[in-house]
Amino acid sequence: MKRNDDVALLAPSVVLLAGATSLGLGGVTQSLSKHRGLGIEDPINMVGFILLAVGGWTFSATFLKRNRKDD
């Protein structure tokens, strides 16, 4: 992965953006819902946290792999 490092870093960045968007939509769902307190936003927030964790882990792994000096 010499030339494709930037593209490989772009994919986890998109996953991180999707996770942040999902968390934002969970907040919007909570604030705009007619029936607050039903927990409708909980699955949305769970998906957001999972996407943030997976995106952060893959971004870190790709970044550390990219900065290895044995290329």
Protein backbone atom coordinates (compact mmCIF):
# COMPACT_ATOMS: atom_id res chain seq x y z
CA MET A 1 0.00 0.00 0.00
CA LYS A 2 2.38 2.67 -1.12
CA ARG A 3 0.25 4.79 -3.44
CA ASN A 4 -3.18 4.00 -2.02
CA ASP A 5 -2.54 5.22 1.53
CA ASP A 6 -4.56 8.40 1.12
CA VAL A 7 -7.53 6.50 -0.28
CA ALA A 8 -7.21 3.95 2.53
CA LEU A 9 -7.37 6.78 5.07
CA LEU A 10 -10.40 8.28 3.33
CA ALA A 11 -12.59 5.21 3.88
CA PRO A 12 -12.35 5.22 7.71
CA SER A 13 -12.87 8.97 7.64
CA VAL A 14 -16.19 8.44 5.87
CA VAL A 15 -17.15 5.85 8.52
CA LEU A 16 -16.28 8.36 11.26
CA LEU A 17 -18.41 10.98 9.53
CA ALA A 18 -21.31 8.52 9.30
CA GLY A 19 -21.01 7.77 13.02
CA ALA A 20 -21.04 11.45 13.93
CA THR A 21 -24.04 12.01 11.66
CA SER A 22 -25.86 9.10 13.28
CA LEU A 23 -25.26 10.55 16.75
CA GLY A 24 -26.51 13.91 15.54
CA LEU A 25 -29.63 12.34 14.09
CA GLY A 26 -30.24 10.58 17.40
CA GLY A 27 -30.26 13.95 19.12
CA VAL A 28 -32.53 15.47 16.50
CA THR A 29 -34.90 12.50 16.81
CA GLN A 30 -35.04 12.99 20.58
CA SER A 31 -35.67 16.71 20.36
CA LEU A 32 -38.28 16.65 17.58
CA SER A 33 -40.20 13.57 18.69
CA LYS A 34 -43.78 14.06 19.86
CA HIS A 35 -43.37 11.17 22.29
CA ARG A 36 -40.15 11.96 24.13
CA GLY A 37 -38.66 9.40 26.46
CA LEU A 38 -39.65 6.30 24.49
CA GLY A 39 -36.03 5.52 23.62
CA ILE A 40 -36.47 5.82 19.87
CA GLU A 41 -33.06 7.46 19.60
CA ASP A 42 -31.21 4.72 21.51
CA PRO A 43 -30.68 2.37 18.52
CA ILE A 44 -29.59 5.33 16.39
CA ASN A 45 -27.05 6.37 19.03
CA MET A 46 -25.82 2.76 19.38
CA VAL A 47 -25.13 2.57 15.65
CA GLY A 48 -23.36 5.93 15.87
CA PHE A 49 -21.08 4.75 18.67
CA ILE A 50 -20.30 1.51 16.82
CA LEU A 51 -19.46 3.43 13.64
CA LEU A 52 -17.24 5.83 15.60
CA ALA A 53 -15.41 2.94 17.27
CA VAL A 54 -14.89 0.99 14.04
CA GLY A 55 -13.92 4.10 12.08
CA GLY A 56 -11.50 5.27 14.76
CA TRP A 57 -9.88 1.86 15.05
CA THR A 58 -9.46 1.40 11.29
CA PHE A 59 -8.23 4.96 10.84
CA SER A 60 -5.63 4.49 13.58
CA ALA A 61 -4.53 1.11 12.23
CA THR A 62 -4.20 2.48 8.69
CA PHE A 63 -2.39 5.60 9.86
CA LEU A 64 0.09 3.60 11.94
CA LYS A 65 0.63 1.16 9.08
CA ARG A 66 1.22 4.08 6.74
CA ASN A 67 3.83 5.67 9.00
CA ARG A 68 5.86 2.50 9.40
CA LYS A 69 9.43 3.05 8.26
CA ASP A 70 10.10 -0.40 6.72
CA ASP A 71 8.51 0.42 3.33
